[in-house]
All heavy atoms as atom14 arrays in JSON, in Angstrom:
{
  "sequence": "YGPHVTNQLIREALTPYPQELVIVTKVGAVR",
  "atom14_mask": [
    [1, 1, 1, 1, 1, 1, 1, 1, 1, 1, 1, 1, 0, 0],
    [1, 1, 1, 1, 0, 0, 0, 0, 0, 0, 0, 0, 0, 0],
    [1, 1, 1, 1, 1, 1, 1, 0, 0, 0, 0, 0, 0, 0],
    [1, 1, 1, 1, 1, 1, 1, 1, 1, 1, 0, 0, 0, 0],
    [1, 1, 1, 1, 1, 1, 1, 0, 0, 0, 0, 0, 0, 0],
    [1, 1, 1, 1, 1, 1, 1, 0, 0, 0, 0, 0, 0, 0],
    [1, 1, 1, 1, 1, 1, 1, 1, 0, 0, 0, 0, 0, 0],
    [1, 1, 1, 1, 1, 1, 1, 1, 1, 0, 0, 0, 0, 0],
    [1, 1, 1, 1, 1, 1, 1, 1, 0, 0, 0, 0, 0, 0],
    [1, 1, 1, 1, 1, 1, 1, 1, 0, 0, 0, 0, 0, 0],
    [1, 1, 1, 1, 1, 1, 1, 1, 1, 1, 1, 0, 0, 0],
    [1, 1, 1, 1, 1, 1, 1, 1, 1, 0, 0, 0, 0, 0],
    [1, 1, 1, 1, 1, 0, 0, 0, 0, 0, 0, 0, 0, 0],
    [1, 1, 1, 1, 1, 1, 1, 1, 0, 0, 0, 0, 0, 0],
    [1, 1, 1, 1, 1, 1, 1, 0, 0, 0, 0, 0, 0, 0],
    [1, 1, 1, 1, 1, 1, 1, 0, 0, 0, 0, 0, 0, 0],
    [1, 1, 1, 1, 1, 1, 1, 1, 1, 1, 1, 1, 0, 0],
    [1, 1, 1, 1, 1, 1, 1, 0, 0, 0, 0, 0, 0, 0],
    [1, 1, 1, 1, 1, 1, 1, 1, 1, 0, 0, 0, 0, 0],
    [1, 1, 1, 1, 1, 1, 1, 1, 1, 0, 0, 0, 0, 0],
    [1, 1, 1, 1, 1, 1, 1, 1, 0, 0, 0, 0, 0, 0],
    [1, 1, 1, 1, 1, 1, 1, 0, 0, 0, 0, 0, 0, 0],
    [1, 1, 1, 1, 1, 1, 1, 1, 0, 0, 0, 0, 0, 0],
    [1, 1, 1, 1, 1, 1, 1, 0, 0, 0, 0, 0, 0, 0],
    [1, 1, 1, 1, 1, 1, 1, 0, 0, 0, 0, 0, 0, 0],
    [1, 1, 1, 1, 1, 1, 1, 1, 1, 0, 0, 0, 0, 0],
    [1, 1, 1, 1, 1, 1, 1, 0, 0, 0, 0, 0, 0, 0],
    [1, 1, 1, 1, 0, 0, 0, 0, 0, 0, 0, 0, 0, 0],
    [1, 1, 1, 1, 1, 0, 0, 0, 0, 0, 0, 0, 0, 0],
    [1, 1, 1, 1, 1, 1, 1, 0, 0, 0, 0, 0, 0, 0],
    [1, 1, 1, 1, 1, 1, 1, 1, 1, 1, 1, 0, 0, 0]
  ],
  "atom14_positions": [
    [[18.12, 39.02, 41.45], [16.71, 39.23, 41.26], [16.16, 38.23, 40.25], [16.48, 38.31, 39.08], [16.36, 40.64, 40.74], [16.74, 41.75, 41.68], [16.8, 43.06, 41.19], [16.85, 41.52, 43.03], [17.09, 44.16, 42.02], [17.12, 42.61, 43.92], [17.27, 43.9, 43.34], [17.52, 44.97, 44.23], [0.0, 0.0, 0.0], [0.0, 0.0, 0.0]],
    [[15.49, 37.22, 40.72], [14.97, 36.19, 39.81], [15.32, 34.79, 40.28], [14.43, 33.96, 40.46], [0.0, 0.0, 0.0], [0.0, 0.0, 0.0], [0.0, 0.0, 0.0], [0.0, 0.0, 0.0], [0.0, 0.0, 0.0], [0.0, 0.0, 0.0], [0.0, 0.0, 0.0], [0.0, 0.0, 0.0], [0.0, 0.0, 0.0], [0.0, 0.0, 0.0]],
    [[16.55, 34.36, 40.36], [17.75, 35.09, 39.97], [17.9, 35.12, 38.46], [17.31, 34.32, 37.74], [18.89, 34.22, 40.63], [18.32, 32.82, 40.68], [16.86, 33.02, 40.94], [0.0, 0.0, 0.0], [0.0, 0.0, 0.0], [0.0, 0.0, 0.0], [0.0, 0.0, 0.0], [0.0, 0.0, 0.0], [0.0, 0.0, 0.0], [0.0, 0.0, 0.0]],
    [[18.75, 36.03, 37.98], [19.09, 36.21, 36.57], [17.97, 36.85, 35.76], [18.22, 37.39, 34.68], [19.48, 34.85, 35.87], [20.39, 34.02, 36.76], [21.53, 34.49, 37.36], [20.29, 32.69, 37.11], [22.13, 33.48, 38.04], [21.35, 32.38, 37.86], [0.0, 0.0, 0.0], [0.0, 0.0, 0.0], [0.0, 0.0, 0.0], [0.0, 0.0, 0.0]],
    [[16.73, 36.82, 36.29], [15.57, 37.17, 35.46], [15.66, 38.68, 35.01], [15.52, 39.01, 33.83], [14.26, 36.95, 36.22], [13.1, 37.56, 35.43], [14.05, 35.44, 36.37], [0.0, 0.0, 0.0], [0.0, 0.0, 0.0], [0.0, 0.0, 0.0], [0.0, 0.0, 0.0], [0.0, 0.0, 0.0], [0.0, 0.0, 0.0], [0.0, 0.0, 0.0]],
    [[15.82, 39.58, 35.95], [15.77, 41.0, 35.59], [16.92, 41.4, 34.66], [16.71, 42.13, 33.69], [15.73, 41.91, 36.81], [16.99, 41.8, 37.55], [14.58, 41.63, 37.72], [0.0, 0.0, 0.0], [0.0, 0.0, 0.0], [0.0, 0.0, 0.0], [0.0, 0.0, 0.0], [0.0, 0.0, 0.0], [0.0, 0.0, 0.0], [0.0, 0.0, 0.0]],
    [[18.09, 40.86, 34.87], [19.23, 41.15, 33.98], [18.97, 40.69, 32.58], [19.3, 41.37, 31.6], [20.52, 40.59, 34.52], [21.1, 41.44, 35.61], [20.6, 42.54, 35.91], [22.15, 40.96, 36.23], [0.0, 0.0, 0.0], [0.0, 0.0, 0.0], [0.0, 0.0, 0.0], [0.0, 0.0, 0.0], [0.0, 0.0, 0.0], [0.0, 0.0, 0.0]],
    [[18.38, 39.48, 32.44], [18.1, 38.96, 31.16], [16.97, 39.72, 30.49], [17.02, 39.95, 29.21], [17.68, 37.45, 31.26], [18.9, 36.57, 31.68], [18.51, 35.16, 32.02], [17.34, 34.77, 32.01], [19.43, 34.31, 32.35], [0.0, 0.0, 0.0], [0.0, 0.0, 0.0], [0.0, 0.0, 0.0], [0.0, 0.0, 0.0], [0.0, 0.0, 0.0]],
    [[16.01, 40.21, 31.23], [14.97, 41.1, 30.64], [15.52, 42.36, 30.18], [15.2, 42.88, 29.05], [13.87, 41.36, 31.67], [12.94, 40.19, 32.04], [12.1, 40.51, 33.23], [12.01, 39.92, 30.84], [0.0, 0.0, 0.0], [0.0, 0.0, 0.0], [0.0, 0.0, 0.0], [0.0, 0.0, 0.0], [0.0, 0.0, 0.0], [0.0, 0.0, 0.0]],
    [[16.45, 42.96, 30.98], [17.08, 44.25, 30.56], [17.85, 44.08, 29.3], [17.74, 44.88, 28.37], [18.03, 44.72, 31.7], [17.18, 45.2, 32.89], [18.91, 45.82, 31.23], [17.99, 45.47, 34.17], [0.0, 0.0, 0.0], [0.0, 0.0, 0.0], [0.0, 0.0, 0.0], [0.0, 0.0, 0.0], [0.0, 0.0, 0.0], [0.0, 0.0, 0.0]],
    [[18.57, 42.97, 29.18], [19.37, 42.68, 27.96], [18.39, 42.56, 26.76], [18.64, 43.12, 25.71], [20.2, 41.45, 28.16], [20.99, 41.03, 26.89], [21.84, 39.84, 27.16], [22.71, 39.5, 26.05], [23.63, 38.55, 26.07], [23.76, 37.79, 27.19], [24.39, 38.26, 24.99], [0.0, 0.0, 0.0], [0.0, 0.0, 0.0], [0.0, 0.0, 0.0]],
    [[17.32, 41.81, 26.94], [16.41, 41.55, 25.8], [15.73, 42.9, 25.41], [15.55, 43.15, 24.16], [15.29, 40.53, 26.22], [14.28, 40.33, 25.11], [13.23, 39.35, 25.56], [13.44, 38.58, 26.55], [12.12, 39.28, 24.93], [0.0, 0.0, 0.0], [0.0, 0.0, 0.0], [0.0, 0.0, 0.0], [0.0, 0.0, 0.0], [0.0, 0.0, 0.0]],
    [[15.34, 43.71, 26.38], [14.6, 44.93, 26.06], [15.44, 46.07, 25.52], [14.96, 46.87, 24.73], [13.84, 45.4, 27.34], [0.0, 0.0, 0.0], [0.0, 0.0, 0.0], [0.0, 0.0, 0.0], [0.0, 0.0, 0.0], [0.0, 0.0, 0.0], [0.0, 0.0, 0.0], [0.0, 0.0, 0.0], [0.0, 0.0, 0.0], [0.0, 0.0, 0.0]],
    [[16.67, 46.13, 26.0], [17.44, 47.4, 25.75], [18.68, 47.33, 24.94], [19.26, 48.37, 24.65], [17.69, 48.06, 27.12], [16.44, 48.38, 27.91], [16.91, 48.99, 29.3], [15.53, 49.35, 27.21], [0.0, 0.0, 0.0], [0.0, 0.0, 0.0], [0.0, 0.0, 0.0], [0.0, 0.0, 0.0], [0.0, 0.0, 0.0], [0.0, 0.0, 0.0]],
    [[19.09, 46.12, 24.57], [20.3, 46.04, 23.72], [19.94, 46.3, 22.27], [18.88, 45.82, 21.81], [21.0, 44.68, 23.89], [20.06, 43.63, 23.63], [21.64, 44.48, 25.22], [0.0, 0.0, 0.0], [0.0, 0.0, 0.0], [0.0, 0.0, 0.0], [0.0, 0.0, 0.0], [0.0, 0.0, 0.0], [0.0, 0.0, 0.0], [0.0, 0.0, 0.0]],
    [[20.8, 47.02, 21.57], [22.02, 47.68, 22.03], [21.72, 48.8, 22.99], [20.83, 49.61, 22.74], [22.71, 48.16, 20.76], [21.57, 48.39, 19.83], [20.57, 47.31, 20.11], [0.0, 0.0, 0.0], [0.0, 0.0, 0.0], [0.0, 0.0, 0.0], [0.0, 0.0, 0.0], [0.0, 0.0, 0.0], [0.0, 0.0, 0.0], [0.0, 0.0, 0.0]],
    [[22.47, 48.85, 24.13], [22.16, 49.84, 25.17], [22.44, 51.24, 24.71], [23.48, 51.53, 24.06], [22.99, 49.54, 26.38], [22.68, 48.23, 27.08], [23.64, 47.19, 27.13], [21.44, 47.98, 27.65], [23.39, 45.97, 27.75], [21.16, 46.79, 28.26], [22.17, 45.78, 28.31], [21.83, 44.52, 28.89], [0.0, 0.0, 0.0], [0.0, 0.0, 0.0]],
    [[21.5, 52.18, 25.03], [21.75, 53.57, 24.77], [23.05, 54.05, 25.41], [23.42, 53.58, 26.49], [20.57, 54.33, 25.36], [19.48, 53.27, 25.48], [20.22, 52.0, 25.7], [0.0, 0.0, 0.0], [0.0, 0.0, 0.0], [0.0, 0.0, 0.0], [0.0, 0.0, 0.0], [0.0, 0.0, 0.0], [0.0, 0.0, 0.0], [0.0, 0.0, 0.0]],
    [[23.81, 54.89, 24.75], [25.1, 55.29, 25.23], [25.03, 55.93, 26.64], [25.89, 55.79, 27.47], [25.78, 56.22, 24.25], [27.17, 56.67, 24.67], [27.87, 57.52, 23.61], [27.29, 57.81, 22.54], [29.07, 57.96, 23.88], [0.0, 0.0, 0.0], [0.0, 0.0, 0.0], [0.0, 0.0, 0.0], [0.0, 0.0, 0.0], [0.0, 0.0, 0.0]],
    [[23.92, 56.71, 26.86], [23.8, 57.44, 28.12], [23.21, 56.54, 29.27], [23.16, 57.04, 30.43], [22.91, 58.62, 27.9], [21.38, 58.26, 27.62], [21.12, 57.96, 26.14], [22.09, 57.85, 25.37], [19.96, 57.85, 25.8], [0.0, 0.0, 0.0], [0.0, 0.0, 0.0], [0.0, 0.0, 0.0], [0.0, 0.0, 0.0], [0.0, 0.0, 0.0]],
    [[22.82, 55.35, 29.0], [22.19, 54.49, 29.99], [23.26, 53.97, 30.94], [24.22, 53.37, 30.61], [21.42, 53.35, 29.39], [20.69, 52.4, 30.37], [19.66, 53.18, 31.16], [20.18, 51.21, 29.63], [0.0, 0.0, 0.0], [0.0, 0.0, 0.0], [0.0, 0.0, 0.0], [0.0, 0.0, 0.0], [0.0, 0.0, 0.0], [0.0, 0.0, 0.0]],
    [[23.01, 54.13, 32.33], [23.88, 53.57, 33.33], [23.09, 52.47, 33.97], [21.99, 52.66, 34.53], [24.27, 54.66, 34.36], [25.04, 54.04, 35.52], [25.01, 55.8, 33.7], [0.0, 0.0, 0.0], [0.0, 0.0, 0.0], [0.0, 0.0, 0.0], [0.0, 0.0, 0.0], [0.0, 0.0, 0.0], [0.0, 0.0, 0.0], [0.0, 0.0, 0.0]],
    [[23.64, 51.27, 34.01], [23.04, 50.14, 34.69], [23.87, 49.85, 35.94], [25.01, 49.6, 35.88], [22.96, 48.92, 33.74], [22.14, 49.16, 32.54], [22.44, 47.67, 34.5], [22.16, 48.1, 31.49], [0.0, 0.0, 0.0], [0.0, 0.0, 0.0], [0.0, 0.0, 0.0], [0.0, 0.0, 0.0], [0.0, 0.0, 0.0], [0.0, 0.0, 0.0]],
    [[23.14, 49.96, 37.03], [23.83, 49.73, 38.38], [23.36, 48.39, 38.91], [22.15, 48.16, 39.03], [23.39, 50.88, 39.34], [24.09, 50.66, 40.7], [23.74, 52.22, 38.79], [0.0, 0.0, 0.0], [0.0, 0.0, 0.0], [0.0, 0.0, 0.0], [0.0, 0.0, 0.0], [0.0, 0.0, 0.0], [0.0, 0.0, 0.0], [0.0, 0.0, 0.0]],
    [[24.27, 47.51, 39.22], [23.94, 46.23, 39.73], [24.51, 46.04, 41.15], [25.27, 46.87, 41.63], [24.35, 45.08, 38.82], [23.76, 43.84, 39.22], [25.91, 44.95, 38.75], [0.0, 0.0, 0.0], [0.0, 0.0, 0.0], [0.0, 0.0, 0.0], [0.0, 0.0, 0.0], [0.0, 0.0, 0.0], [0.0, 0.0, 0.0], [0.0, 0.0, 0.0]],
    [[24.13, 44.98, 41.82], [24.58, 44.72, 43.2], [25.17, 43.27, 43.28], [24.68, 42.4, 42.57], [23.4, 44.84, 44.17], [22.96, 46.22, 44.4], [21.79, 46.27, 45.37], [20.52, 45.69, 44.68], [20.08, 46.48, 43.55], [0.0, 0.0, 0.0], [0.0, 0.0, 0.0], [0.0, 0.0, 0.0], [0.0, 0.0, 0.0], [0.0, 0.0, 0.0]],
    [[26.17, 43.12, 44.13], [26.61, 41.82, 44.44], [26.73, 41.7, 46.01], [26.72, 42.7, 46.7], [28.03, 41.54, 43.85], [27.92, 41.54, 42.32], [29.05, 42.59, 44.29], [0.0, 0.0, 0.0], [0.0, 0.0, 0.0], [0.0, 0.0, 0.0], [0.0, 0.0, 0.0], [0.0, 0.0, 0.0], [0.0, 0.0, 0.0], [0.0, 0.0, 0.0]],
    [[26.8, 40.44, 46.45], [26.89, 40.19, 47.89], [25.82, 39.28, 48.41], [25.74, 38.99, 49.61], [0.0, 0.0, 0.0], [0.0, 0.0, 0.0], [0.0, 0.0, 0.0], [0.0, 0.0, 0.0], [0.0, 0.0, 0.0], [0.0, 0.0, 0.0], [0.0, 0.0, 0.0], [0.0, 0.0, 0.0], [0.0, 0.0, 0.0], [0.0, 0.0, 0.0]],
    [[24.98, 38.82, 47.48], [23.9, 37.87, 47.85], [23.64, 36.94, 46.67], [23.9, 37.22, 45.55], [22.63, 38.61, 48.21], [0.0, 0.0, 0.0], [0.0, 0.0, 0.0], [0.0, 0.0, 0.0], [0.0, 0.0, 0.0], [0.0, 0.0, 0.0], [0.0, 0.0, 0.0], [0.0, 0.0, 0.0], [0.0, 0.0, 0.0], [0.0, 0.0, 0.0]],
    [[23.09, 35.79, 46.99], [22.65, 34.86, 46.0], [21.25, 34.28, 46.54], [20.85, 34.6, 47.64], [23.58, 33.66, 45.78], [24.85, 34.23, 45.15], [23.89, 32.92, 47.07], [0.0, 0.0, 0.0], [0.0, 0.0, 0.0], [0.0, 0.0, 0.0], [0.0, 0.0, 0.0], [0.0, 0.0, 0.0], [0.0, 0.0, 0.0], [0.0, 0.0, 0.0]],
    [[20.58, 33.5, 45.67], [19.28, 32.85, 46.08], [19.49, 31.34, 46.05], [20.25, 30.78, 45.2], [18.25, 33.24, 45.05], [18.1, 34.72, 44.76], [17.67, 35.54, 46.01], [16.24, 35.25, 46.29], [15.23, 35.87, 45.65], [15.5, 36.65, 44.65], [14.02, 35.57, 45.96], [0.0, 0.0, 0.0], [0.0, 0.0, 0.0], [0.0, 0.0, 0.0]]
  ]
}
């Protein structure tokens, strides 16, 4: 997604990540 954009936004917005937060990602495609 972006590529890389959404993951970098998530890192900027939410680190340090809450202990209860589950981040689900996908692989199998590129742009």
